[in-house]
N, C-alpha and C. Protein backbone atom coordinates (compact mmCIF):
# COMPACT_ATOMS: atom_id res chain seq x y z
N UNK A 1 -24.59 9.98 36.42
CA UNK A 1 -25.62 10.99 36.40
C UNK A 1 -25.15 12.20 37.17
N UNK A 2 -25.01 13.32 36.46
CA UNK A 2 -24.55 14.54 37.13
C UNK A 2 -25.57 15.00 38.20
N UNK A 3 -25.00 15.76 39.12
CA UNK A 3 -25.81 16.34 40.23
C UNK A 3 -26.30 17.70 39.84
N UNK A 4 -25.40 18.55 39.36
CA UNK A 4 -25.76 19.93 39.09
C UNK A 4 -25.62 20.27 37.59
N UNK A 5 -24.53 19.76 36.94
CA UNK A 5 -24.32 20.08 35.58
C UNK A 5 -25.21 19.32 34.65
N UNK A 6 -25.44 19.87 33.43
CA UNK A 6 -26.17 19.05 32.46
C UNK A 6 -25.24 17.90 31.96
N UNK A 7 -25.88 16.96 31.28
CA UNK A 7 -25.09 15.85 30.75
C UNK A 7 -24.00 16.32 29.79
N UNK A 8 -24.35 17.31 28.94
CA UNK A 8 -23.30 17.93 27.98
C UNK A 8 -22.19 18.51 28.77
N UNK A 9 -22.57 19.38 29.76
CA UNK A 9 -21.51 20.06 30.58
C UNK A 9 -20.64 19.08 31.32
N UNK A 10 -21.27 18.04 31.80
CA UNK A 10 -20.53 16.99 32.55
C UNK A 10 -19.51 16.28 31.60
N UNK A 11 -19.98 15.90 30.41
CA UNK A 11 -19.04 15.26 29.47
C UNK A 11 -17.90 16.21 29.20
N UNK A 12 -18.14 17.44 28.98
CA UNK A 12 -17.04 18.42 28.74
C UNK A 12 -16.11 18.51 29.95
N UNK A 13 -16.68 18.52 31.10
CA UNK A 13 -15.90 18.61 32.32
C UNK A 13 -15.00 17.40 32.50
N UNK A 14 -15.56 16.24 32.27
CA UNK A 14 -14.75 14.99 32.37
C UNK A 14 -13.64 15.02 31.43
N UNK A 15 -13.82 15.41 30.20
CA UNK A 15 -12.74 15.50 29.22
C UNK A 15 -11.71 16.57 29.65
N UNK A 16 -12.15 17.63 30.06
CA UNK A 16 -11.24 18.67 30.58
C UNK A 16 -10.40 18.28 31.77
N UNK A 17 -11.05 17.58 32.73
CA UNK A 17 -10.31 17.12 33.89
C UNK A 17 -9.29 16.03 33.43
N UNK A 18 -9.68 15.19 32.51
CA UNK A 18 -8.77 14.15 31.99
C UNK A 18 -7.57 14.79 31.28
N UNK A 19 -7.68 15.97 30.71
CA UNK A 19 -6.56 16.66 30.08
C UNK A 19 -5.71 17.27 31.22
N UNK A 20 -6.32 17.70 32.25
CA UNK A 20 -5.57 18.36 33.34
C UNK A 20 -4.73 17.34 34.10
N UNK A 21 -5.35 16.14 34.31
CA UNK A 21 -4.68 15.08 35.13
C UNK A 21 -4.98 13.76 34.40
N UNK A 22 -4.14 13.54 33.31
CA UNK A 22 -4.32 12.33 32.58
C UNK A 22 -3.74 11.09 33.31
N UNK A 23 -4.31 9.92 32.94
CA UNK A 23 -3.74 8.64 33.38
C UNK A 23 -2.53 8.46 32.57
N UNK A 24 -1.45 7.89 33.19
CA UNK A 24 -0.26 7.72 32.44
C UNK A 24 0.60 6.59 33.01
N UNK A 25 0.83 5.56 32.25
CA UNK A 25 1.81 4.47 32.60
C UNK A 25 1.46 3.97 34.06
N UNK A 26 0.24 3.61 34.28
CA UNK A 26 -0.14 3.09 35.61
C UNK A 26 -0.50 4.15 36.61
N UNK A 27 -0.19 5.40 36.32
CA UNK A 27 -0.58 6.44 37.33
C UNK A 27 -2.03 6.82 37.06
N UNK A 28 -2.78 6.82 38.15
CA UNK A 28 -4.19 7.15 38.02
C UNK A 28 -4.39 8.66 37.69
N UNK A 29 -5.44 8.91 36.94
CA UNK A 29 -5.71 10.34 36.57
C UNK A 29 -7.05 10.75 37.09
N UNK A 30 -7.51 11.82 36.55
CA UNK A 30 -8.87 12.40 36.98
C UNK A 30 -9.99 11.46 36.80
N UNK A 31 -9.93 10.67 35.73
CA UNK A 31 -11.06 9.79 35.42
C UNK A 31 -11.12 8.71 36.56
N UNK A 32 -10.01 8.07 36.87
CA UNK A 32 -10.05 7.02 37.87
C UNK A 32 -10.42 7.57 39.23
N UNK A 33 -10.01 8.80 39.55
CA UNK A 33 -10.29 9.37 40.83
C UNK A 33 -11.63 10.05 41.00
N UNK A 34 -12.39 10.18 39.89
CA UNK A 34 -13.75 10.81 39.97
C UNK A 34 -13.66 12.25 40.19
N UNK A 35 -12.65 12.90 39.60
CA UNK A 35 -12.47 14.35 39.80
C UNK A 35 -13.73 15.16 39.28
N UNK A 36 -14.20 14.81 38.13
CA UNK A 36 -15.34 15.54 37.57
C UNK A 36 -16.58 15.38 38.53
N UNK A 37 -16.74 14.19 39.01
CA UNK A 37 -17.89 13.96 40.04
C UNK A 37 -17.69 14.85 41.28
N UNK A 38 -16.48 14.97 41.70
CA UNK A 38 -16.23 15.84 42.87
C UNK A 38 -16.66 17.29 42.56
N UNK A 39 -16.26 17.79 41.39
CA UNK A 39 -16.57 19.17 41.02
C UNK A 39 -18.06 19.34 40.83
N UNK A 40 -18.74 18.41 40.19
CA UNK A 40 -20.14 18.49 40.05
C UNK A 40 -20.91 18.48 41.37
N UNK A 41 -20.49 17.64 42.28
CA UNK A 41 -21.14 17.55 43.61
C UNK A 41 -20.87 18.86 44.35
N UNK A 42 -19.65 19.39 44.26
CA UNK A 42 -19.35 20.69 44.94
C UNK A 42 -20.21 21.77 44.41
N UNK A 43 -20.39 21.89 43.02
CA UNK A 43 -21.20 22.94 42.49
C UNK A 43 -22.70 22.75 42.91
N UNK A 44 -23.07 21.52 43.11
CA UNK A 44 -24.48 21.24 43.54
C UNK A 44 -24.61 20.96 45.01
N UNK A 45 -23.70 21.45 45.84
CA UNK A 45 -23.72 21.13 47.27
C UNK A 45 -25.09 21.40 47.92
N UNK A 46 -25.77 22.41 47.45
CA UNK A 46 -27.05 22.71 48.08
C UNK A 46 -28.24 21.92 47.54
N UNK A 47 -27.97 20.94 46.70
CA UNK A 47 -29.05 20.02 46.33
C UNK A 47 -29.18 18.93 47.28
N UNK A 48 -28.26 18.85 48.25
CA UNK A 48 -28.33 17.82 49.33
C UNK A 48 -28.79 18.46 50.64
N UNK A 49 -29.31 17.65 51.48
CA UNK A 49 -29.75 18.08 52.84
C UNK A 49 -29.15 17.19 53.88
N UNK A 50 -28.21 17.64 54.63
CA UNK A 50 -27.60 18.96 54.62
C UNK A 50 -26.67 19.14 53.42
N UNK A 51 -26.37 20.35 53.13
CA UNK A 51 -25.45 20.68 52.04
C UNK A 51 -24.13 19.99 52.16
N UNK A 52 -23.55 19.51 51.14
CA UNK A 52 -22.30 18.82 51.17
C UNK A 52 -21.15 19.78 51.16
N UNK A 53 -20.95 20.53 52.26
CA UNK A 53 -19.91 21.46 52.42
C UNK A 53 -18.85 21.00 53.41
N UNK A 54 -19.31 20.65 54.64
CA UNK A 54 -18.38 20.23 55.66
C UNK A 54 -18.73 18.76 56.14
N UNK A 55 -17.85 17.86 55.82
CA UNK A 55 -18.07 16.51 56.39
C UNK A 55 -17.96 16.51 57.89
N UNK A 56 -18.65 15.58 58.50
CA UNK A 56 -18.64 15.47 59.97
C UNK A 56 -17.29 14.98 60.46
N UNK A 57 -17.25 14.48 61.62
CA UNK A 57 -16.10 13.98 62.20
C UNK A 57 -16.33 13.48 63.60
N UNK A 58 -15.39 13.27 64.45
CA UNK A 58 -13.98 13.70 64.25
C UNK A 58 -13.11 12.75 63.49
N UNK A 59 -13.68 11.54 63.19
CA UNK A 59 -12.84 10.56 62.51
C UNK A 59 -13.62 10.04 61.25
N UNK A 60 -12.86 9.46 60.28
CA UNK A 60 -13.41 9.01 59.06
C UNK A 60 -13.86 7.53 59.15
N UNK A 61 -13.26 6.84 60.17
CA UNK A 61 -13.49 5.41 60.19
C UNK A 61 -12.49 4.59 59.48
N UNK A 62 -11.60 5.21 58.71
CA UNK A 62 -10.62 4.50 57.97
C UNK A 62 -9.52 3.82 58.84
N UNK A 63 -9.25 4.41 59.94
CA UNK A 63 -8.23 3.86 60.84
C UNK A 63 -8.84 3.70 62.27
N UNK A 64 -10.06 3.26 62.34
CA UNK A 64 -10.72 3.13 63.62
C UNK A 64 -11.64 4.31 63.92
N UNK A 65 -12.41 4.14 64.95
CA UNK A 65 -13.34 5.25 65.21
C UNK A 65 -14.54 5.20 64.35
N UNK A 66 -15.49 6.03 64.64
CA UNK A 66 -16.74 6.11 63.86
C UNK A 66 -16.46 6.75 62.53
N UNK A 67 -17.31 6.38 61.56
CA UNK A 67 -17.22 6.95 60.22
C UNK A 67 -17.97 8.27 60.17
N UNK A 68 -17.49 9.27 60.94
CA UNK A 68 -18.11 10.54 61.05
C UNK A 68 -18.13 11.42 59.81
N UNK A 69 -17.18 11.22 58.97
CA UNK A 69 -17.09 11.98 57.77
C UNK A 69 -18.24 11.68 56.77
N UNK A 70 -18.93 10.54 57.02
CA UNK A 70 -19.98 10.07 56.14
C UNK A 70 -21.27 10.94 56.20
N UNK A 71 -21.30 11.70 57.29
CA UNK A 71 -22.46 12.68 57.49
C UNK A 71 -21.89 14.06 57.37
N UNK A 72 -22.76 14.96 56.91
CA UNK A 72 -22.32 16.34 56.71
C UNK A 72 -23.01 17.27 57.75
N UNK A 73 -22.30 18.29 58.22
CA UNK A 73 -22.81 19.25 59.15
C UNK A 73 -23.87 20.17 58.59
N UNK A 74 -24.85 20.56 59.39
CA UNK A 74 -25.76 21.60 58.95
C UNK A 74 -24.94 22.92 59.11
N UNK A 75 -25.29 23.83 58.20
CA UNK A 75 -24.61 25.17 58.18
C UNK A 75 -25.44 26.12 58.99
N UNK A 76 -24.69 27.09 59.65
CA UNK A 76 -25.35 28.21 60.28
C UNK A 76 -25.91 29.13 59.17
N UNK A 77 -26.70 30.03 59.52
CA UNK A 77 -27.33 30.93 58.53
C UNK A 77 -26.19 31.74 57.83
N UNK A 78 -25.19 32.18 58.55
CA UNK A 78 -24.11 32.97 58.06
C UNK A 78 -23.26 32.12 57.10
N UNK A 79 -22.99 30.84 57.52
CA UNK A 79 -22.20 29.93 56.69
C UNK A 79 -22.92 29.66 55.40
N UNK A 80 -24.25 29.49 55.51
CA UNK A 80 -24.99 29.24 54.31
C UNK A 80 -25.01 30.40 53.31
N UNK A 81 -25.15 31.62 53.89
CA UNK A 81 -25.03 32.86 53.01
C UNK A 81 -23.74 32.90 52.38
N UNK A 82 -22.60 32.68 53.08
CA UNK A 82 -21.29 32.75 52.51
C UNK A 82 -21.15 31.76 51.42
N UNK A 83 -21.54 30.48 51.67
CA UNK A 83 -21.32 29.47 50.68
C UNK A 83 -22.20 29.62 49.47
N UNK A 84 -23.43 29.98 49.73
CA UNK A 84 -24.36 30.26 48.58
C UNK A 84 -23.81 31.34 47.71
N UNK A 85 -23.29 32.43 48.32
CA UNK A 85 -22.74 33.51 47.52
C UNK A 85 -21.49 33.00 46.76
N UNK A 86 -20.67 32.19 47.37
CA UNK A 86 -19.51 31.64 46.66
C UNK A 86 -19.88 30.76 45.49
N UNK A 87 -20.89 29.90 45.71
CA UNK A 87 -21.29 28.92 44.67
C UNK A 87 -22.26 29.53 43.69
N UNK A 88 -23.31 30.18 44.12
CA UNK A 88 -24.39 30.73 43.24
C UNK A 88 -24.14 32.17 42.81
N UNK A 89 -23.25 32.92 43.44
CA UNK A 89 -23.09 34.32 43.11
C UNK A 89 -24.08 35.11 43.91
N UNK A 90 -23.96 36.48 43.71
CA UNK A 90 -24.79 37.35 44.48
C UNK A 90 -26.24 37.45 43.91
N UNK A 91 -26.42 37.22 42.68
CA UNK A 91 -27.74 37.27 42.01
C UNK A 91 -28.59 38.48 42.29
N UNK A 92 -27.88 39.57 42.48
CA UNK A 92 -28.56 40.86 42.76
C UNK A 92 -29.23 40.94 44.17
N UNK A 93 -28.99 39.96 45.01
CA UNK A 93 -29.60 39.96 46.36
C UNK A 93 -28.77 40.86 47.27
N UNK A 94 -29.41 41.81 47.94
CA UNK A 94 -28.68 42.75 48.84
C UNK A 94 -27.82 42.07 49.86
N UNK A 95 -28.34 41.02 50.46
CA UNK A 95 -27.64 40.26 51.50
C UNK A 95 -26.36 39.55 51.01
N UNK A 96 -26.25 39.42 49.63
CA UNK A 96 -25.09 38.73 49.10
C UNK A 96 -24.21 39.77 48.37
N UNK A 97 -24.63 41.04 48.35
CA UNK A 97 -23.79 42.05 47.64
C UNK A 97 -23.27 43.14 48.52
N UNK A 98 -23.03 42.78 49.81
CA UNK A 98 -22.50 43.76 50.75
C UNK A 98 -21.10 44.24 50.40
N UNK A 99 -20.37 43.40 49.59
CA UNK A 99 -19.04 43.77 49.07
C UNK A 99 -19.09 43.94 47.54
N UNK A 100 -20.26 44.06 46.97
CA UNK A 100 -20.38 44.22 45.51
C UNK A 100 -20.86 42.96 44.90
N UNK A 101 -21.17 42.98 43.59
CA UNK A 101 -21.63 41.82 42.89
C UNK A 101 -20.56 40.68 42.87
N UNK A 102 -21.04 39.42 42.88
CA UNK A 102 -20.17 38.28 42.88
C UNK A 102 -20.67 37.34 41.80
N UNK A 103 -19.75 36.87 40.94
CA UNK A 103 -20.06 35.83 39.98
C UNK A 103 -19.67 34.51 40.68
N UNK A 104 -20.68 33.66 40.87
CA UNK A 104 -20.42 32.44 41.61
C UNK A 104 -19.69 31.39 40.78
N UNK A 105 -19.24 30.40 41.45
CA UNK A 105 -18.45 29.27 40.83
C UNK A 105 -19.42 28.52 39.84
N UNK A 106 -20.71 28.46 40.10
CA UNK A 106 -21.59 27.77 39.15
C UNK A 106 -21.59 28.47 37.77
N UNK A 107 -21.67 29.78 37.82
CA UNK A 107 -21.65 30.52 36.58
C UNK A 107 -20.32 30.50 35.92
N UNK A 108 -19.27 30.59 36.71
CA UNK A 108 -17.90 30.49 36.11
C UNK A 108 -17.66 29.16 35.45
N UNK A 109 -18.21 28.07 36.00
CA UNK A 109 -18.05 26.77 35.31
C UNK A 109 -18.99 26.72 34.10
N UNK A 110 -20.23 27.22 34.22
CA UNK A 110 -21.12 27.24 33.05
C UNK A 110 -20.47 28.00 31.88
N UNK A 111 -19.93 29.12 32.13
CA UNK A 111 -19.27 29.94 31.09
C UNK A 111 -17.99 29.27 30.58
N UNK A 112 -17.19 28.73 31.45
CA UNK A 112 -15.90 28.10 31.10
C UNK A 112 -16.15 26.85 30.25
N UNK A 113 -17.11 26.04 30.64
CA UNK A 113 -17.37 24.87 29.87
C UNK A 113 -17.98 25.18 28.53
N UNK A 114 -18.86 26.15 28.54
CA UNK A 114 -19.51 26.56 27.22
C UNK A 114 -18.42 27.08 26.29
N UNK A 115 -17.44 27.83 26.79
CA UNK A 115 -16.35 28.38 25.93
C UNK A 115 -15.49 27.21 25.33
N UNK A 116 -15.39 26.12 26.04
CA UNK A 116 -14.60 25.01 25.49
C UNK A 116 -15.27 24.42 24.24
N UNK A 117 -16.60 24.55 24.08
CA UNK A 117 -17.28 24.09 22.91
C UNK A 117 -18.05 22.83 23.21
N UNK A 118 -19.20 22.70 22.58
CA UNK A 118 -20.09 21.49 22.75
C UNK A 118 -19.37 20.29 22.22
N UNK A 119 -18.41 20.40 21.38
CA UNK A 119 -17.75 19.26 20.82
C UNK A 119 -16.44 18.89 21.52
N UNK A 120 -16.15 19.55 22.63
CA UNK A 120 -14.85 19.43 23.29
C UNK A 120 -14.50 18.00 23.64
N UNK A 121 -15.44 17.21 24.15
CA UNK A 121 -15.12 15.84 24.52
C UNK A 121 -14.76 14.94 23.28
N UNK A 122 -15.16 15.40 22.09
CA UNK A 122 -14.90 14.58 20.86
C UNK A 122 -13.69 14.94 20.11
N UNK A 123 -13.06 16.11 20.40
CA UNK A 123 -11.93 16.61 19.60
C UNK A 123 -10.64 15.93 20.23
N UNK A 124 -9.54 15.96 19.37
CA UNK A 124 -8.32 15.31 19.88
C UNK A 124 -7.66 16.15 21.01
N UNK A 125 -6.71 15.47 21.70
CA UNK A 125 -6.13 16.01 22.90
C UNK A 125 -5.43 17.35 22.63
N UNK A 126 -4.75 17.50 21.54
CA UNK A 126 -3.99 18.71 21.32
C UNK A 126 -5.05 19.90 21.16
N UNK A 127 -6.12 19.69 20.50
CA UNK A 127 -7.19 20.69 20.36
C UNK A 127 -7.80 20.96 21.75
N UNK A 128 -7.99 19.97 22.59
CA UNK A 128 -8.53 20.18 23.86
C UNK A 128 -7.62 21.06 24.72
N UNK A 129 -6.31 20.76 24.62
CA UNK A 129 -5.29 21.60 25.36
C UNK A 129 -5.30 22.95 24.94
N UNK A 130 -5.37 23.22 23.57
CA UNK A 130 -5.39 24.50 23.00
C UNK A 130 -6.60 25.25 23.58
N UNK A 131 -7.73 24.71 23.58
CA UNK A 131 -8.98 25.38 24.09
C UNK A 131 -8.82 25.66 25.59
N UNK A 132 -8.30 24.75 26.34
CA UNK A 132 -8.12 24.97 27.77
C UNK A 132 -7.26 26.18 28.02
N UNK A 133 -6.18 26.28 27.29
CA UNK A 133 -5.26 27.36 27.49
C UNK A 133 -5.84 28.76 27.07
N UNK A 134 -6.87 28.73 26.32
CA UNK A 134 -7.42 29.99 25.83
C UNK A 134 -8.04 30.85 26.92
N UNK A 135 -8.39 30.22 28.06
CA UNK A 135 -9.01 30.99 29.20
C UNK A 135 -8.23 30.64 30.45
N UNK A 136 -7.22 31.42 30.73
CA UNK A 136 -6.34 31.17 31.83
C UNK A 136 -7.05 31.22 33.18
N UNK A 137 -7.99 32.08 33.39
CA UNK A 137 -8.72 32.18 34.64
C UNK A 137 -9.55 30.83 34.88
N UNK A 138 -10.20 30.36 33.85
CA UNK A 138 -10.96 29.12 34.01
C UNK A 138 -9.95 27.95 34.17
N UNK A 139 -8.84 27.96 33.51
CA UNK A 139 -7.84 26.91 33.62
C UNK A 139 -7.31 26.82 35.03
N UNK A 140 -7.11 28.00 35.68
CA UNK A 140 -6.57 28.08 37.07
C UNK A 140 -7.69 27.55 38.02
N UNK A 141 -8.93 27.93 37.81
CA UNK A 141 -10.02 27.49 38.63
C UNK A 141 -10.18 25.95 38.49
N UNK A 142 -10.14 25.44 37.28
CA UNK A 142 -10.23 23.94 37.08
C UNK A 142 -9.11 23.23 37.69
N UNK A 143 -7.92 23.73 37.54
CA UNK A 143 -6.74 23.08 38.19
C UNK A 143 -6.89 22.97 39.67
N UNK A 144 -7.30 24.02 40.30
CA UNK A 144 -7.48 24.04 41.76
C UNK A 144 -8.47 22.91 42.16
N UNK A 145 -9.58 22.90 41.49
CA UNK A 145 -10.58 21.90 41.85
C UNK A 145 -10.19 20.50 41.40
N UNK A 146 -9.43 20.34 40.28
CA UNK A 146 -8.88 18.94 39.96
C UNK A 146 -8.02 18.50 41.06
N UNK A 147 -7.16 19.33 41.62
CA UNK A 147 -6.26 18.89 42.69
C UNK A 147 -7.03 18.52 43.96
N UNK A 148 -8.09 19.33 44.22
CA UNK A 148 -8.98 18.93 45.43
C UNK A 148 -9.62 17.54 45.20
N UNK A 149 -10.20 17.38 43.97
CA UNK A 149 -10.81 16.12 43.66
C UNK A 149 -9.91 14.91 43.60
N UNK A 150 -8.67 15.14 43.21
CA UNK A 150 -7.73 14.05 43.17
C UNK A 150 -7.18 13.64 44.53
N UNK A 151 -6.99 14.62 45.43
CA UNK A 151 -6.23 14.28 46.65
C UNK A 151 -7.03 14.61 47.92
N UNK A 152 -8.23 15.15 47.85
CA UNK A 152 -9.07 15.41 49.00
C UNK A 152 -9.69 14.19 49.63
N UNK A 153 -10.38 14.33 50.70
CA UNK A 153 -11.05 13.16 51.32
C UNK A 153 -12.17 12.63 50.37
N UNK A 154 -12.19 11.32 50.20
CA UNK A 154 -13.18 10.72 49.37
C UNK A 154 -14.64 11.01 49.58
N UNK A 155 -14.94 11.43 50.87
CA UNK A 155 -16.34 11.67 51.19
C UNK A 155 -16.96 12.83 50.35
N UNK A 156 -16.08 13.73 49.77
CA UNK A 156 -16.53 14.86 48.98
C UNK A 156 -16.81 14.41 47.53
N UNK A 157 -16.60 13.19 47.17
CA UNK A 157 -16.92 12.68 45.78
C UNK A 157 -15.74 12.44 44.88
N UNK A 158 -14.52 12.88 45.28
CA UNK A 158 -13.43 12.58 44.42
C UNK A 158 -12.49 11.58 45.14
N UNK A 159 -11.26 11.46 44.67
CA UNK A 159 -10.28 10.59 45.26
C UNK A 159 -10.99 9.22 45.53
N UNK A 160 -11.62 8.71 44.47
CA UNK A 160 -12.35 7.47 44.60
C UNK A 160 -11.53 6.35 45.15
N UNK A 161 -12.06 5.72 46.20
CA UNK A 161 -11.32 4.63 46.92
C UNK A 161 -9.87 5.03 47.35
N UNK A 162 -9.69 6.32 47.54
CA UNK A 162 -8.37 6.77 48.02
C UNK A 162 -7.29 6.59 46.99
N UNK A 163 -7.62 6.53 45.69
CA UNK A 163 -6.61 6.26 44.66
C UNK A 163 -5.57 7.36 44.54
N UNK A 164 -5.88 8.59 44.69
CA UNK A 164 -4.95 9.69 44.70
C UNK A 164 -3.97 9.54 45.84
N UNK A 165 -4.44 9.25 47.05
CA UNK A 165 -3.63 9.05 48.19
C UNK A 165 -2.70 7.93 48.02
N UNK A 166 -3.24 6.78 47.50
CA UNK A 166 -2.39 5.56 47.33
C UNK A 166 -1.23 5.86 46.37
N UNK A 167 -1.53 6.54 45.32
CA UNK A 167 -0.51 6.79 44.29
C UNK A 167 0.68 7.58 44.85
N UNK A 168 0.43 8.53 45.77
CA UNK A 168 1.48 9.40 46.30
C UNK A 168 2.03 8.83 47.63
N UNK A 169 1.57 7.65 48.02
CA UNK A 169 2.06 7.05 49.22
C UNK A 169 1.53 7.64 50.51
N UNK A 170 0.39 8.34 50.44
CA UNK A 170 -0.20 8.92 51.62
C UNK A 170 -1.34 8.00 52.11
N UNK A 171 -1.32 7.59 53.41
CA UNK A 171 -2.31 6.62 53.81
C UNK A 171 -3.67 7.30 54.24
N UNK A 172 -3.69 8.60 54.09
CA UNK A 172 -4.91 9.29 54.42
C UNK A 172 -4.96 9.63 55.89
N UNK A 173 -6.10 10.09 56.36
CA UNK A 173 -6.24 10.44 57.71
C UNK A 173 -6.05 9.25 58.59
N UNK A 174 -5.42 9.41 59.74
CA UNK A 174 -5.06 8.30 60.60
C UNK A 174 -5.63 8.41 62.03
N UNK A 175 -6.57 9.28 62.21
CA UNK A 175 -7.17 9.47 63.52
C UNK A 175 -8.32 8.42 63.65
N UNK A 176 -8.47 7.76 64.79
CA UNK A 176 -7.85 8.06 66.08
C UNK A 176 -6.55 7.35 66.36
N UNK A 177 -6.10 6.52 65.43
CA UNK A 177 -4.85 5.82 65.66
C UNK A 177 -3.68 6.77 65.76
N UNK A 178 -3.58 7.72 64.88
CA UNK A 178 -2.44 8.68 64.92
C UNK A 178 -1.21 8.10 64.35
N UNK A 179 -0.07 8.68 64.61
CA UNK A 179 1.23 8.23 64.12
C UNK A 179 2.08 7.88 65.36
N UNK A 180 2.88 6.87 65.12
CA UNK A 180 3.82 6.44 66.19
C UNK A 180 4.97 7.37 66.16
N UNK A 181 5.81 7.37 67.25
CA UNK A 181 6.99 8.17 67.35
C UNK A 181 7.94 7.86 66.14
N UNK A 182 8.04 6.54 65.87
CA UNK A 182 8.95 6.16 64.72
C UNK A 182 8.47 6.68 63.41
N UNK A 183 7.12 6.70 63.23
CA UNK A 183 6.61 7.28 61.91
C UNK A 183 6.87 8.75 61.77
N UNK A 184 6.78 9.45 62.90
CA UNK A 184 6.89 10.95 62.94
C UNK A 184 8.34 11.28 62.71
N UNK A 185 9.29 10.45 63.24
CA UNK A 185 10.72 10.84 63.13
C UNK A 185 11.38 10.27 61.92
N UNK A 186 10.66 9.62 60.99
CA UNK A 186 11.31 9.08 59.81
C UNK A 186 11.55 10.22 58.82
N UNK A 187 12.74 10.17 58.10
CA UNK A 187 13.03 11.22 57.12
C UNK A 187 12.09 11.23 55.93
């Protein structure tokens, strides 16, 4: 169940993410890592209280310590203004347009997914890739967020069960344990 996107938009996003980071010969892709879920949660960060912008800390609990990443920090008024402007755009509000109008990420995704077509999830892979390449700006945005969703901390909704980290041999955050001298000096 999507957080911010419609069911149709979410299906399109899942198919687009799968094209960007496909599963291949045992390698996990966007689908296994929950990349579309990460993007949807990010776009809908303000549907949560507190907003899902900054995970707590100082430790995740994966290697000892408290699972502080499981709770999110409250934002200051200035942080909220900045993040709402980034996500929602300026919407003609003077406090958000001090540097001019801003098209937010939510609108950029709405427009980019709509341009891919309502039938995007059902067309073959070569047609999906052709449509994705038609809008280079959206392709760049999607790629950036696919990488975040594949390899970022799982608390943000992607990298399900640390699958992206496991595949590249990264054990994830290791605080408070840290690294031994031997681990740091390995080539």
